[in-house]
N, C-alpha and C. Protein backbone atom coordinates (compact mmCIF):
# COMPACT_ATOMS: atom_id res chain seq x y z
N MET A 1 0.83 -13.58 10.72
CA MET A 1 -0.13 -12.68 10.11
C MET A 1 0.31 -11.21 10.16
N PRO A 2 0.89 -10.73 11.28
CA PRO A 2 1.34 -9.33 11.29
C PRO A 2 2.38 -9.04 10.22
N ALA A 3 3.27 -10.01 9.95
CA ALA A 3 4.28 -9.80 8.91
C ALA A 3 3.62 -9.65 7.54
N ARG A 4 2.58 -10.41 7.31
CA ARG A 4 1.88 -10.32 6.03
C ARG A 4 1.17 -8.97 5.90
N MET A 5 0.57 -8.50 6.99
CA MET A 5 -0.09 -7.19 6.97
C MET A 5 0.93 -6.08 6.76
N LEU A 6 2.09 -6.20 7.39
CA LEU A 6 3.15 -5.21 7.23
C LEU A 6 3.64 -5.20 5.79
N SER A 7 3.82 -6.39 5.21
CA SER A 7 4.25 -6.49 3.82
C SER A 7 3.24 -5.87 2.88
N LYS A 8 1.96 -6.11 3.15
CA LYS A 8 0.89 -5.54 2.31
C LYS A 8 0.86 -4.01 2.43
N ALA A 9 1.05 -3.53 3.66
CA ALA A 9 1.08 -2.07 3.88
C ALA A 9 2.28 -1.46 3.15
N TRP A 10 3.42 -2.15 3.22
CA TRP A 10 4.62 -1.67 2.53
C TRP A 10 4.38 -1.60 1.03
N GLU A 11 3.82 -2.66 0.47
CA GLU A 11 3.52 -2.68 -0.97
C GLU A 11 2.57 -1.54 -1.34
N GLY A 12 1.58 -1.30 -0.48
CA GLY A 12 0.65 -0.20 -0.72
C GLY A 12 1.34 1.15 -0.72
N LEU A 13 2.28 1.33 0.21
CA LEU A 13 3.04 2.59 0.27
C LEU A 13 3.90 2.77 -0.97
N VAL A 14 4.61 1.72 -1.36
CA VAL A 14 5.47 1.79 -2.55
C VAL A 14 4.62 2.08 -3.79
N ASN A 15 3.50 1.38 -3.94
CA ASN A 15 2.62 1.60 -5.09
C ASN A 15 1.99 2.99 -5.04
N GLY A 16 1.61 3.44 -3.86
CA GLY A 16 1.02 4.77 -3.72
C GLY A 16 2.00 5.86 -4.11
N LEU A 17 3.26 5.70 -3.72
CA LEU A 17 4.27 6.71 -4.07
C LEU A 17 4.54 6.74 -5.56
N VAL A 18 4.55 5.58 -6.22
CA VAL A 18 4.78 5.59 -7.66
C VAL A 18 3.58 6.21 -8.39
N LEU A 19 2.38 6.02 -7.87
CA LEU A 19 1.21 6.68 -8.45
C LEU A 19 1.29 8.19 -8.26
N PHE A 20 1.78 8.60 -7.09
CA PHE A 20 2.00 10.02 -6.83
C PHE A 20 2.99 10.59 -7.83
N ALA A 21 4.08 9.85 -8.11
CA ALA A 21 5.07 10.28 -9.10
C ALA A 21 4.43 10.42 -10.49
N CYS A 22 3.57 9.47 -10.84
CA CYS A 22 2.87 9.54 -12.13
C CYS A 22 1.97 10.78 -12.21
N PHE A 23 1.28 11.06 -11.11
CA PHE A 23 0.43 12.25 -11.05
C PHE A 23 1.28 13.51 -11.25
N LEU A 24 2.44 13.57 -10.59
CA LEU A 24 3.30 14.74 -10.72
C LEU A 24 3.81 14.92 -12.15
N ILE A 25 4.12 13.81 -12.81
CA ILE A 25 4.57 13.90 -14.21
C ILE A 25 3.47 14.50 -15.07
N ALA A 26 2.25 14.02 -14.87
CA ALA A 26 1.12 14.55 -15.64
C ALA A 26 0.89 16.03 -15.31
N ALA A 27 0.99 16.38 -14.04
CA ALA A 27 0.80 17.77 -13.63
C ALA A 27 1.88 18.66 -14.24
N ASP A 28 3.13 18.17 -14.26
CA ASP A 28 4.22 18.94 -14.88
C ASP A 28 3.95 19.17 -16.36
N CYS A 29 3.52 18.12 -17.04
CA CYS A 29 3.20 18.25 -18.47
C CYS A 29 2.12 19.29 -18.69
N LEU A 30 1.09 19.23 -17.89
CA LEU A 30 -0.01 20.19 -18.00
C LEU A 30 0.48 21.60 -17.71
N LEU A 31 1.28 21.76 -16.69
CA LEU A 31 1.81 23.07 -16.33
C LEU A 31 2.67 23.64 -17.45
N ILE A 32 3.47 22.81 -18.07
CA ILE A 32 4.33 23.25 -19.18
C ILE A 32 3.48 23.64 -20.39
N VAL A 33 2.45 22.86 -20.68
CA VAL A 33 1.56 23.19 -21.80
C VAL A 33 0.89 24.54 -21.56
N VAL A 34 0.40 24.75 -20.34
CA VAL A 34 -0.23 26.03 -20.00
C VAL A 34 0.77 27.17 -20.14
N ASP A 35 1.97 26.98 -19.64
CA ASP A 35 3.01 28.01 -19.72
C ASP A 35 3.32 28.37 -21.16
N VAL A 36 3.56 27.35 -22.00
CA VAL A 36 3.91 27.59 -23.41
C VAL A 36 2.73 28.23 -24.15
N THR A 37 1.53 27.74 -23.87
CA THR A 37 0.34 28.30 -24.53
C THR A 37 0.17 29.77 -24.18
N LEU A 38 0.30 30.11 -22.92
CA LEU A 38 0.18 31.51 -22.51
C LEU A 38 1.25 32.38 -23.14
N ARG A 39 2.47 31.85 -23.22
CA ARG A 39 3.55 32.62 -23.87
C ARG A 39 3.24 32.86 -25.35
N ASN A 40 2.73 31.83 -26.03
CA ASN A 40 2.41 31.97 -27.45
C ASN A 40 1.24 32.91 -27.69
N LEU A 41 0.38 33.04 -26.71
CA LEU A 41 -0.75 33.98 -26.81
C LEU A 41 -0.36 35.37 -26.33
N LYS A 42 0.93 35.56 -26.05
CA LYS A 42 1.47 36.83 -25.57
C LYS A 42 0.88 37.25 -24.23
N LEU A 43 0.54 36.24 -23.42
CA LEU A 43 0.04 36.48 -22.07
C LEU A 43 1.13 36.12 -21.07
N GLN A 44 0.97 36.59 -19.85
CA GLN A 44 1.97 36.33 -18.80
C GLN A 44 1.73 34.96 -18.16
N PRO A 45 2.66 34.03 -18.35
CA PRO A 45 2.52 32.72 -17.67
C PRO A 45 2.87 32.86 -16.19
N PRO A 46 2.51 31.88 -15.39
CA PRO A 46 2.87 31.94 -13.97
C PRO A 46 4.40 31.99 -13.81
N ALA A 47 4.86 32.79 -12.87
CA ALA A 47 6.29 32.94 -12.65
C ALA A 47 6.91 31.70 -12.02
N TYR A 48 6.10 30.87 -11.41
CA TYR A 48 6.62 29.73 -10.65
C TYR A 48 6.69 28.43 -11.44
N THR A 49 6.39 28.44 -12.72
CA THR A 49 6.36 27.21 -13.51
C THR A 49 7.69 26.46 -13.48
N VAL A 50 8.77 27.17 -13.74
CA VAL A 50 10.08 26.50 -13.80
C VAL A 50 10.46 25.95 -12.42
N ALA A 51 10.31 26.76 -11.38
CA ALA A 51 10.67 26.30 -10.03
C ALA A 51 9.82 25.10 -9.62
N LEU A 52 8.54 25.17 -9.89
CA LEU A 52 7.65 24.08 -9.50
C LEU A 52 7.99 22.78 -10.22
N THR A 53 8.28 22.86 -11.50
CA THR A 53 8.64 21.64 -12.23
C THR A 53 10.00 21.11 -11.77
N GLU A 54 10.92 22.00 -11.44
CA GLU A 54 12.22 21.54 -10.93
C GLU A 54 12.06 20.84 -9.59
N TYR A 55 11.28 21.41 -8.69
CA TYR A 55 11.04 20.78 -7.40
C TYR A 55 10.33 19.43 -7.57
N SER A 56 9.39 19.40 -8.50
CA SER A 56 8.64 18.16 -8.68
C SER A 56 9.52 17.04 -9.24
N LEU A 57 10.56 17.38 -9.98
CA LEU A 57 11.48 16.35 -10.48
C LEU A 57 12.16 15.61 -9.33
N LEU A 58 12.48 16.33 -8.27
CA LEU A 58 13.04 15.70 -7.08
C LEU A 58 12.02 14.75 -6.45
N TYR A 59 10.79 15.22 -6.32
CA TYR A 59 9.74 14.40 -5.72
C TYR A 59 9.41 13.18 -6.59
N ILE A 60 9.39 13.38 -7.90
CA ILE A 60 9.12 12.26 -8.81
C ILE A 60 10.19 11.19 -8.66
N THR A 61 11.45 11.62 -8.68
CA THR A 61 12.56 10.67 -8.58
C THR A 61 12.51 9.89 -7.27
N MET A 62 12.33 10.58 -6.17
CA MET A 62 12.35 9.92 -4.87
C MET A 62 11.10 9.08 -4.62
N ALA A 63 9.97 9.48 -5.17
CA ALA A 63 8.74 8.70 -4.99
C ALA A 63 8.78 7.41 -5.81
N ALA A 64 9.40 7.47 -6.97
CA ALA A 64 9.44 6.29 -7.84
C ALA A 64 10.60 5.35 -7.54
N ALA A 65 11.64 5.83 -6.88
CA ALA A 65 12.86 5.04 -6.68
C ALA A 65 12.62 3.70 -5.97
N PRO A 66 11.87 3.65 -4.86
CA PRO A 66 11.66 2.34 -4.22
C PRO A 66 10.94 1.34 -5.13
N TRP A 67 10.00 1.82 -5.90
CA TRP A 67 9.27 0.96 -6.84
C TRP A 67 10.22 0.43 -7.91
N LEU A 68 11.13 1.29 -8.38
CA LEU A 68 12.09 0.85 -9.39
C LEU A 68 13.01 -0.23 -8.85
N VAL A 69 13.40 -0.11 -7.58
CA VAL A 69 14.21 -1.17 -6.97
C VAL A 69 13.38 -2.44 -6.88
N ARG A 70 12.15 -2.31 -6.41
CA ARG A 70 11.30 -3.50 -6.26
C ARG A 70 11.08 -4.19 -7.60
N GLU A 71 10.94 -3.41 -8.65
CA GLU A 71 10.70 -3.97 -9.99
C GLU A 71 11.99 -4.36 -10.70
N ARG A 72 13.10 -4.23 -10.01
CA ARG A 72 14.40 -4.61 -10.54
C ARG A 72 14.77 -3.82 -11.78
N ALA A 73 14.49 -2.54 -11.77
CA ALA A 73 14.75 -1.68 -12.92
C ALA A 73 16.13 -1.04 -12.81
N TRP A 74 17.12 -1.88 -12.59
CA TRP A 74 18.48 -1.40 -12.51
C TRP A 74 19.26 -1.93 -13.70
N ILE A 75 20.46 -1.42 -13.85
CA ILE A 75 21.30 -1.83 -14.97
C ILE A 75 22.41 -2.72 -14.43
N VAL A 76 22.61 -3.85 -15.07
CA VAL A 76 23.67 -4.78 -14.71
C VAL A 76 24.55 -4.97 -15.94
N VAL A 77 25.82 -4.97 -15.73
CA VAL A 77 26.74 -5.24 -16.83
C VAL A 77 26.78 -6.75 -17.00
N GLU A 78 25.85 -7.25 -17.80
CA GLU A 78 25.68 -8.69 -17.98
C GLU A 78 26.92 -9.38 -18.53
N VAL A 79 27.67 -8.68 -19.36
CA VAL A 79 28.85 -9.28 -19.97
C VAL A 79 29.81 -9.75 -18.88
N LEU A 80 30.03 -8.92 -17.88
CA LEU A 80 30.93 -9.29 -16.78
C LEU A 80 30.25 -10.24 -15.80
N TYR A 81 29.01 -9.95 -15.49
CA TYR A 81 28.27 -10.73 -14.50
C TYR A 81 28.10 -12.18 -14.96
N ARG A 82 27.78 -12.37 -16.21
CA ARG A 82 27.52 -13.70 -16.75
C ARG A 82 28.77 -14.56 -16.84
N ARG A 83 29.94 -13.95 -16.89
CA ARG A 83 31.19 -14.72 -16.99
C ARG A 83 31.58 -15.35 -15.66
N ALA A 84 30.99 -14.87 -14.59
CA ALA A 84 31.30 -15.42 -13.27
C ALA A 84 30.53 -16.72 -13.06
N SER A 85 31.08 -17.57 -12.22
CA SER A 85 30.39 -18.83 -11.91
C SER A 85 29.15 -18.52 -11.06
N PRO A 86 28.17 -19.44 -11.02
CA PRO A 86 26.98 -19.21 -10.19
C PRO A 86 27.31 -18.94 -8.72
N ALA A 87 28.30 -19.59 -8.19
CA ALA A 87 28.68 -19.36 -6.79
C ALA A 87 29.22 -17.94 -6.59
N VAL A 88 30.06 -17.51 -7.53
CA VAL A 88 30.61 -16.15 -7.45
C VAL A 88 29.49 -15.12 -7.64
N ARG A 89 28.59 -15.41 -8.56
CA ARG A 89 27.46 -14.48 -8.77
C ARG A 89 26.62 -14.36 -7.51
N GLY A 90 26.40 -15.46 -6.82
CA GLY A 90 25.63 -15.42 -5.58
C GLY A 90 26.28 -14.55 -4.53
N ARG A 91 27.60 -14.70 -4.39
CA ARG A 91 28.33 -13.85 -3.43
C ARG A 91 28.32 -12.40 -3.89
N LEU A 92 28.49 -12.19 -5.19
CA LEU A 92 28.46 -10.84 -5.75
C LEU A 92 27.10 -10.19 -5.51
N ASP A 93 26.03 -10.96 -5.69
CA ASP A 93 24.68 -10.43 -5.43
C ASP A 93 24.57 -9.96 -3.98
N ARG A 94 25.02 -10.76 -3.05
CA ARG A 94 24.93 -10.41 -1.63
C ARG A 94 25.75 -9.16 -1.31
N VAL A 95 26.95 -9.07 -1.89
CA VAL A 95 27.80 -7.90 -1.66
C VAL A 95 27.16 -6.65 -2.24
N ILE A 96 26.66 -6.74 -3.47
CA ILE A 96 26.05 -5.58 -4.13
C ILE A 96 24.80 -5.12 -3.39
N PHE A 97 23.92 -6.05 -3.04
CA PHE A 97 22.71 -5.67 -2.32
C PHE A 97 23.05 -5.07 -0.96
N SER A 98 24.05 -5.63 -0.30
CA SER A 98 24.47 -5.08 1.01
C SER A 98 25.01 -3.66 0.85
N LEU A 99 25.89 -3.45 -0.12
CA LEU A 99 26.43 -2.11 -0.35
C LEU A 99 25.34 -1.11 -0.73
N CYS A 100 24.43 -1.53 -1.57
CA CYS A 100 23.33 -0.64 -1.97
C CYS A 100 22.48 -0.25 -0.76
N ALA A 101 22.20 -1.22 0.10
CA ALA A 101 21.40 -0.95 1.29
C ALA A 101 22.15 -0.01 2.23
N ILE A 102 23.45 -0.24 2.42
CA ILE A 102 24.24 0.60 3.31
C ILE A 102 24.34 2.02 2.79
N VAL A 103 24.68 2.18 1.52
CA VAL A 103 24.81 3.52 0.93
C VAL A 103 23.47 4.24 0.95
N SER A 104 22.40 3.53 0.60
CA SER A 104 21.07 4.16 0.64
C SER A 104 20.71 4.59 2.06
N GLY A 105 21.04 3.76 3.04
CA GLY A 105 20.78 4.12 4.43
C GLY A 105 21.56 5.34 4.87
N ILE A 106 22.83 5.41 4.47
CA ILE A 106 23.66 6.57 4.83
C ILE A 106 23.10 7.85 4.22
N VAL A 107 22.74 7.80 2.94
CA VAL A 107 22.16 8.98 2.28
C VAL A 107 20.85 9.38 2.97
N ALA A 108 20.03 8.39 3.33
CA ALA A 108 18.77 8.68 4.01
C ALA A 108 19.00 9.39 5.35
N VAL A 109 19.97 8.90 6.12
CA VAL A 109 20.27 9.52 7.41
C VAL A 109 20.77 10.95 7.23
N LEU A 110 21.69 11.15 6.29
CA LEU A 110 22.22 12.50 6.04
C LEU A 110 21.12 13.45 5.58
N ALA A 111 20.26 12.99 4.69
CA ALA A 111 19.16 13.83 4.21
C ALA A 111 18.19 14.14 5.35
N CYS A 112 17.97 13.18 6.22
CA CYS A 112 17.09 13.40 7.37
C CYS A 112 17.69 14.46 8.30
N ILE A 113 18.98 14.38 8.54
CA ILE A 113 19.66 15.38 9.37
C ILE A 113 19.51 16.77 8.76
N LEU A 114 19.74 16.87 7.45
CA LEU A 114 19.62 18.16 6.77
C LEU A 114 18.18 18.68 6.80
N ALA A 115 17.21 17.78 6.68
CA ALA A 115 15.81 18.19 6.74
C ALA A 115 15.46 18.73 8.12
N VAL A 116 15.90 18.03 9.15
CA VAL A 116 15.62 18.47 10.53
C VAL A 116 16.31 19.80 10.81
N GLU A 117 17.58 19.93 10.40
CA GLU A 117 18.29 21.19 10.59
C GLU A 117 17.60 22.34 9.86
N GLY A 118 17.18 22.09 8.64
CA GLY A 118 16.49 23.12 7.87
C GLY A 118 15.18 23.54 8.53
N ALA A 119 14.46 22.56 9.08
CA ALA A 119 13.20 22.87 9.76
C ALA A 119 13.45 23.65 11.05
N MET A 120 14.47 23.23 11.81
CA MET A 120 14.77 23.91 13.07
C MET A 120 15.22 25.35 12.86
N ARG A 121 15.95 25.58 11.78
CA ARG A 121 16.45 26.93 11.48
C ARG A 121 15.43 27.78 10.70
N GLY A 122 14.39 27.13 10.21
CA GLY A 122 13.39 27.85 9.42
C GLY A 122 13.92 28.31 8.07
N GLU A 123 14.86 27.56 7.51
CA GLU A 123 15.46 27.94 6.23
C GLU A 123 14.46 27.79 5.09
N VAL A 124 14.57 28.73 4.15
CA VAL A 124 13.67 28.74 2.99
C VAL A 124 14.49 28.92 1.73
N GLU A 125 14.19 28.12 0.73
CA GLU A 125 14.80 28.24 -0.60
C GLU A 125 13.99 29.31 -1.33
N MET A 126 14.63 30.44 -1.61
CA MET A 126 13.91 31.56 -2.22
C MET A 126 14.15 31.60 -3.72
N ARG A 127 13.06 31.42 -4.42
CA ARG A 127 13.06 31.52 -5.88
C ARG A 127 11.73 32.16 -6.25
N SER A 128 11.23 31.89 -7.43
CA SER A 128 9.92 32.43 -7.78
C SER A 128 8.83 31.78 -6.93
N LEU A 129 9.18 30.65 -6.34
CA LEU A 129 8.29 29.94 -5.42
C LEU A 129 9.13 29.60 -4.19
N ASP A 130 8.81 30.18 -3.06
CA ASP A 130 9.57 29.90 -1.84
C ASP A 130 9.23 28.51 -1.33
N MET A 131 10.28 27.75 -1.00
CA MET A 131 10.09 26.37 -0.56
C MET A 131 10.87 26.19 0.73
N PRO A 132 10.22 25.64 1.76
CA PRO A 132 10.98 25.35 2.99
C PRO A 132 12.10 24.35 2.66
N ARG A 133 13.27 24.62 3.18
CA ARG A 133 14.42 23.78 2.86
C ARG A 133 14.22 22.32 3.28
N TRP A 134 13.50 22.10 4.37
CA TRP A 134 13.28 20.73 4.82
C TRP A 134 12.49 19.94 3.78
N ALA A 135 11.64 20.64 3.03
CA ALA A 135 10.80 19.98 2.02
C ALA A 135 11.62 19.51 0.82
N LEU A 136 12.85 19.98 0.72
CA LEU A 136 13.74 19.50 -0.34
C LEU A 136 14.52 18.26 0.10
N PHE A 137 14.76 18.13 1.40
CA PHE A 137 15.52 16.99 1.89
C PHE A 137 14.63 15.84 2.37
N ALA A 138 13.41 16.14 2.76
CA ALA A 138 12.51 15.09 3.25
C ALA A 138 12.24 14.00 2.21
N PRO A 139 11.96 14.35 0.94
CA PRO A 139 11.74 13.26 -0.02
C PRO A 139 13.00 12.44 -0.29
N VAL A 140 14.17 13.06 -0.17
CA VAL A 140 15.42 12.32 -0.35
C VAL A 140 15.59 11.32 0.80
N ALA A 141 15.31 11.79 2.01
CA ALA A 141 15.40 10.89 3.18
C ALA A 141 14.43 9.73 3.04
N LEU A 142 13.20 10.02 2.69
CA LEU A 142 12.19 8.96 2.55
C LEU A 142 12.54 8.01 1.41
N GLY A 143 12.88 8.56 0.25
CA GLY A 143 13.18 7.73 -0.92
C GLY A 143 14.35 6.81 -0.69
N PHE A 144 15.43 7.34 -0.13
CA PHE A 144 16.61 6.50 0.10
C PHE A 144 16.39 5.50 1.23
N ALA A 145 15.63 5.89 2.25
CA ALA A 145 15.32 4.92 3.32
C ALA A 145 14.50 3.76 2.76
N MET A 146 13.54 4.08 1.91
CA MET A 146 12.72 3.03 1.31
C MET A 146 13.53 2.17 0.34
N MET A 147 14.47 2.79 -0.38
CA MET A 147 15.34 2.00 -1.25
C MET A 147 16.21 1.06 -0.42
N ALA A 148 16.70 1.54 0.72
CA ALA A 148 17.50 0.67 1.60
C ALA A 148 16.69 -0.55 2.02
N VAL A 149 15.43 -0.33 2.37
CA VAL A 149 14.57 -1.45 2.76
C VAL A 149 14.38 -2.40 1.58
N GLU A 150 14.15 -1.86 0.41
CA GLU A 150 13.96 -2.72 -0.77
C GLU A 150 15.22 -3.53 -1.08
N PHE A 151 16.39 -2.90 -0.97
CA PHE A 151 17.63 -3.65 -1.21
C PHE A 151 17.82 -4.73 -0.15
N LEU A 152 17.46 -4.44 1.10
CA LEU A 152 17.54 -5.46 2.15
C LEU A 152 16.57 -6.61 1.87
N ARG A 153 15.39 -6.29 1.37
CA ARG A 153 14.44 -7.35 1.01
C ARG A 153 15.02 -8.23 -0.09
N CYS A 154 15.67 -7.63 -1.09
CA CYS A 154 16.31 -8.40 -2.15
C CYS A 154 17.39 -9.30 -1.56
N LEU A 155 18.18 -8.76 -0.64
CA LEU A 155 19.24 -9.53 0.00
C LEU A 155 18.67 -10.70 0.77
N LEU A 156 17.64 -10.46 1.56
CA LEU A 156 17.05 -11.51 2.40
C LEU A 156 16.33 -12.58 1.58
N ARG A 157 15.76 -12.19 0.44
CA ARG A 157 15.09 -13.17 -0.43
C ARG A 157 16.10 -13.97 -1.25
N GLY A 158 17.33 -13.46 -1.33
CA GLY A 158 18.33 -14.14 -2.15
C GLY A 158 18.17 -13.85 -3.62
N ASP A 159 17.66 -12.66 -3.94
CA ASP A 159 17.47 -12.27 -5.34
C ASP A 159 18.80 -12.17 -6.07
N SER A 160 18.71 -12.18 -7.38
CA SER A 160 19.88 -12.04 -8.24
C SER A 160 19.85 -10.66 -8.88
N MET A 161 21.02 -10.09 -9.10
CA MET A 161 21.13 -8.80 -9.79
C MET A 161 20.78 -8.94 -11.27
N SER A 162 21.00 -10.11 -11.81
CA SER A 162 20.82 -10.34 -13.24
C SER A 162 19.36 -10.46 -13.61
N HIS A 163 19.00 -9.83 -14.71
CA HIS A 163 17.64 -9.97 -15.22
C HIS A 163 17.41 -11.38 -15.77
N ALA A 164 18.47 -12.03 -16.21
CA ALA A 164 18.34 -13.39 -16.74
C ALA A 164 17.98 -14.37 -15.63
N ASP A 165 18.41 -14.06 -14.40
CA ASP A 165 18.11 -14.93 -13.27
C ASP A 165 16.84 -14.49 -12.54
N ALA A 166 16.17 -13.46 -13.06
CA ALA A 166 15.03 -12.88 -12.35
C ALA A 166 13.88 -13.85 -12.19
N GLY A 167 13.73 -14.78 -13.08
CA GLY A 167 12.61 -15.72 -12.98
C GLY A 167 12.62 -16.49 -11.68
N GLN A 168 13.79 -16.86 -11.17
CA GLN A 168 13.85 -17.61 -9.94
C GLN A 168 13.59 -16.74 -8.72
N ALA A 169 13.78 -15.43 -8.82
CA ALA A 169 13.60 -14.55 -7.67
C ALA A 169 12.13 -14.20 -7.47
N PHE A 170 11.35 -14.26 -8.51
CA PHE A 170 9.95 -13.90 -8.39
C PHE A 170 9.20 -15.14 -8.01
């Protein structure tokens, strides 16, 4: 039962983050419309519009990334993948999922180190909107750590990289 509760909590976190990403996309669109409208009315738009939308792109990407892995929204070169025998594809799947999990884990650790260092030093990214430097690395650490977990889940379930084989993985 605890494993089931943990899995449900994980799914809730992944779904919550993708909803957060959707909210940020809508907020960016609204902010851009306000900025353009004010400019066309010869009024002064907020100075932070560009910086805020740029920062939000990082948050959108990292918040949605684990969900994209879970939903298998990756690109596979089917022409090469399909030419391999099922046994080779199975080994290839395990190697690819393992490499993805390892690389995602390494990026998460490095981003976490940079976030902690930035927080300890009190570093600030100075633009039209000042942003603590740790706040730029924290979503990268979280997003890549969660992607590593999702790739490990794919590996442990024995999922296939191919969308054609996806029916058996679900």
